[in-house]
Amino acid sequence: MTTGLVCWKCGAGIGHEPLPLARAAECRGCRADLHVCMMCEFHDARAARQCREPIADEVRDKTRANFCGYFTVRPGAYRCEDEAAMAAARAKLDALFGG
């Protein structure tokens, strides 16, 4: 069992999955693939091909299971985009209406 690991898509705990993650591993909460670029330590949206591993083959769909041999699971892969957008919208409304 691995503690502290969460699904990149829904944030559900995936500590029940053995490491290294199998290519077919899925989140029990949302059924998302787990052996994906979004869960990898080398994933970086600002890097070329969105990967900091210079010799890894390019993976076009970062949210689908792949065969990358450099995959290293990253704790804290979940980023709740909706909450950030909601906070930004709320700040704009507060600025507009003085709330």
C-alpha atoms as a PDB file:
ATOM      1  CA  MET A   1       0.000   0.000   0.000  1.00  0.00           C
ATOM      2  CA  THR A   2       1.141   3.497  -0.843  1.00  0.00           C
ATOM      3  CA  THR A   3      -0.170   6.454   1.101  1.00  0.00           C
ATOM      4  CA  GLY A   4      -0.407  10.032  -0.142  1.00  0.00           C
ATOM      5  CA  LEU A   5      -1.006   9.170  -3.790  1.00  0.00           C
ATOM      6  CA  VAL A   6      -4.172  10.518  -5.364  1.00  0.00           C
ATOM      7  CA  CYS A   7      -5.836  10.268  -8.759  1.00  0.00           C
ATOM      8  CA  TRP A   8      -4.846  13.053 -11.144  1.00  0.00           C
ATOM      9  CA  LYS A   9      -8.462  13.496 -12.293  1.00  0.00           C
ATOM     10  CA  CYS A  10     -10.705  13.259  -9.208  1.00  0.00           C
ATOM     11  CA  GLY A  11      -8.336  13.373  -6.227  1.00  0.00           C
ATOM     12  CA  ALA A  12      -9.415   9.999  -4.824  1.00  0.00           C
ATOM     13  CA  GLY A  13      -6.777   8.087  -2.889  1.00  0.00           C
ATOM     14  CA  ILE A  14      -4.976   5.401  -4.887  1.00  0.00           C
ATOM     15  CA  GLY A  15      -2.868   3.978  -2.077  1.00  0.00           C
ATOM     16  CA  HIS A  16      -4.330   0.539  -2.795  1.00  0.00           C
ATOM     17  CA  GLU A  17      -2.445   0.356  -6.125  1.00  0.00           C
ATOM     18  CA  PRO A  18       0.949  -1.382  -6.021  1.00  0.00           C
ATOM     19  CA  LEU A  19       3.988   0.476  -7.314  1.00  0.00           C
ATOM     20  CA  PRO A  20       5.139   0.742  -9.985  1.00  0.00           C
ATOM     21  CA  LEU A  21       1.709   1.474 -11.398  1.00  0.00           C
ATOM     22  CA  ALA A  22       0.633  -1.006 -14.047  1.00  0.00           C
ATOM     23  CA  ARG A  23      -0.324   0.335 -17.460  1.00  0.00           C
ATOM     24  CA  ALA A  24      -3.883  -0.919 -16.902  1.00  0.00           C
ATOM     25  CA  ALA A  25      -4.260   0.649 -13.420  1.00  0.00           C
ATOM     26  CA  GLU A  26      -7.488   2.608 -12.971  1.00  0.00           C
ATOM     27  CA  CYS A  27      -8.872   4.914 -10.305  1.00  0.00           C
ATOM     28  CA  ARG A  28     -11.642   3.237  -8.316  1.00  0.00           C
ATOM     29  CA  GLY A  29     -13.452   6.555  -7.987  1.00  0.00           C
ATOM     30  CA  CYS A  30     -13.629   7.849 -11.559  1.00  0.00           C
ATOM     31  CA  ARG A  31     -12.185   4.950 -13.617  1.00  0.00           C
ATOM     32  CA  ALA A  32      -9.474   7.221 -15.086  1.00  0.00           C
ATOM     33  CA  ASP A  33      -6.240   5.630 -16.290  1.00  0.00           C
ATOM     34  CA  LEU A  34      -3.415   6.097 -13.775  1.00  0.00           C
ATOM     35  CA  HIS A  35      -0.302   5.285 -15.844  1.00  0.00           C
ATOM     36  CA  VAL A  36      -0.592   8.634 -17.621  1.00  0.00           C
ATOM     37  CA  CYS A  37       1.609  11.663 -18.121  1.00  0.00           C
ATOM     38  CA  MET A  38      -0.557  13.705 -15.751  1.00  0.00           C
ATOM     39  CA  MET A  39       0.544  11.380 -12.913  1.00  0.00           C
ATOM     40  CA  CYS A  40       4.243  11.473 -13.832  1.00  0.00           C
ATOM     41  CA  GLU A  41       7.007  13.343 -12.050  1.00  0.00           C
ATOM     42  CA  PHE A  42       8.426  14.411 -15.423  1.00  0.00           C
ATOM     43  CA  HIS A  43       5.184  16.021 -16.659  1.00  0.00           C
ATOM     44  CA  ASP A  44       5.591  19.774 -17.015  1.00  0.00           C
ATOM     45  CA  ALA A  45       3.174  21.875 -19.062  1.00  0.00           C
ATOM     46  CA  ARG A  46       5.897  24.475 -19.656  1.00  0.00           C
ATOM     47  CA  ALA A  47       8.452  22.039 -21.088  1.00  0.00           C
ATOM     48  CA  ALA A  48       8.839  20.892 -24.685  1.00  0.00           C
ATOM     49  CA  ARG A  49       6.345  18.094 -25.400  1.00  0.00           C
ATOM     50  CA  GLN A  50       5.200  18.733 -21.794  1.00  0.00           C
ATOM     51  CA  CYS A  51       7.890  16.352 -20.511  1.00  0.00           C
ATOM     52  CA  ARG A  52      11.169  17.061 -18.696  1.00  0.00           C
ATOM     53  CA  GLU A  53      12.610  13.655 -19.657  1.00  0.00           C
ATOM     54  CA  PRO A  54      14.672  14.518 -22.774  1.00  0.00           C
ATOM     55  CA  ILE A  55      14.817  11.058 -24.369  1.00  0.00           C
ATOM     56  CA  ALA A  56      11.289   9.833 -23.685  1.00  0.00           C
ATOM     57  CA  ASP A  57       9.084   9.205 -26.711  1.00  0.00           C
ATOM     58  CA  GLU A  58       6.388  11.816 -27.219  1.00  0.00           C
ATOM     59  CA  VAL A  59       2.962  10.963 -25.842  1.00  0.00           C
ATOM     60  CA  ARG A  60       0.249  13.016 -27.496  1.00  0.00           C
ATOM     61  CA  ASP A  61      -2.676  12.315 -25.170  1.00  0.00           C
ATOM     62  CA  LYS A  62      -1.423  13.029 -21.652  1.00  0.00           C
ATOM     63  CA  THR A  63      -4.602  11.654 -20.050  1.00  0.00           C
ATOM     64  CA  ARG A  64      -4.569   8.151 -21.572  1.00  0.00           C
ATOM     65  CA  ALA A  65      -2.559   5.130 -20.434  1.00  0.00           C
ATOM     66  CA  ASN A  66       0.796   4.769 -22.174  1.00  0.00           C
ATOM     67  CA  PHE A  67       3.886   2.576 -22.267  1.00  0.00           C
ATOM     68  CA  CYS A  68       6.469   5.215 -21.245  1.00  0.00           C
ATOM     69  CA  GLY A  69       9.399   3.529 -19.538  1.00  0.00           C
ATOM     70  CA  TYR A  70      10.364   6.722 -17.689  1.00  0.00           C
ATOM     71  CA  PHE A  71       7.036   7.014 -15.855  1.00  0.00           C
ATOM     72  CA  THR A  72       7.541   7.854 -12.174  1.00  0.00           C
ATOM     73  CA  VAL A  73       4.413   8.382 -10.114  1.00  0.00           C
ATOM     74  CA  ARG A  74       4.059  11.887  -8.644  1.00  0.00           C
ATOM     75  CA  PRO A  75       2.330  12.573  -5.329  1.00  0.00           C
ATOM     76  CA  GLY A  76       0.006  15.564  -5.492  1.00  0.00           C
ATOM     77  CA  ALA A  77      -0.845  15.137  -9.169  1.00  0.00           C
ATOM     78  CA  TYR A  78      -4.444  16.267  -8.589  1.00  0.00           C
ATOM     79  CA  ARG A  79      -5.098  19.880  -9.485  1.00  0.00           C
ATOM     80  CA  CYS A  80      -8.657  21.024  -9.029  1.00  0.00           C
ATOM     81  CA  GLU A  81      -9.026  23.432 -11.928  1.00  0.00           C
ATOM     82  CA  ASP A  82     -12.662  24.162 -11.164  1.00  0.00           C
ATOM     83  CA  GLU A  83     -11.896  25.586  -7.717  1.00  0.00           C
ATOM     84  CA  ALA A  84      -9.246  27.918  -9.139  1.00  0.00           C
ATOM     85  CA  ALA A  85     -11.600  29.167 -11.834  1.00  0.00           C
ATOM     86  CA  MET A  86     -14.375  29.591  -9.283  1.00  0.00           C
ATOM     87  CA  ALA A  87     -12.110  31.587  -6.945  1.00  0.00           C
ATOM     88  CA  ALA A  88     -11.014  33.841  -9.804  1.00  0.00           C
ATOM     89  CA  ALA A  89     -14.611  34.444 -10.870  1.00  0.00           C
ATOM     90  CA  ARG A  90     -15.616  35.158  -7.267  1.00  0.00           C
ATOM     91  CA  ALA A  91     -12.780  37.698  -6.923  1.00  0.00           C
ATOM     92  CA  LYS A  92     -13.907  39.473 -10.099  1.00  0.00           C
ATOM     93  CA  LEU A  93     -17.487  39.634  -8.819  1.00  0.00           C
ATOM     94  CA  ASP A  94     -16.344  40.958  -5.468  1.00  0.00           C
ATOM     95  CA  ALA A  95     -14.299  43.642  -7.199  1.00  0.00           C
ATOM     96  CA  LEU A  96     -17.235  44.560  -9.432  1.00  0.00           C
ATOM     97  CA  PHE A  97     -19.899  44.663  -6.731  1.00  0.00           C
ATOM     98  CA  GLY A  98     -17.728  45.597  -3.757  1.00  0.00           C
ATOM     99  CA  GLY A  99     -18.521  42.412  -1.884  1.00  0.00           C
END
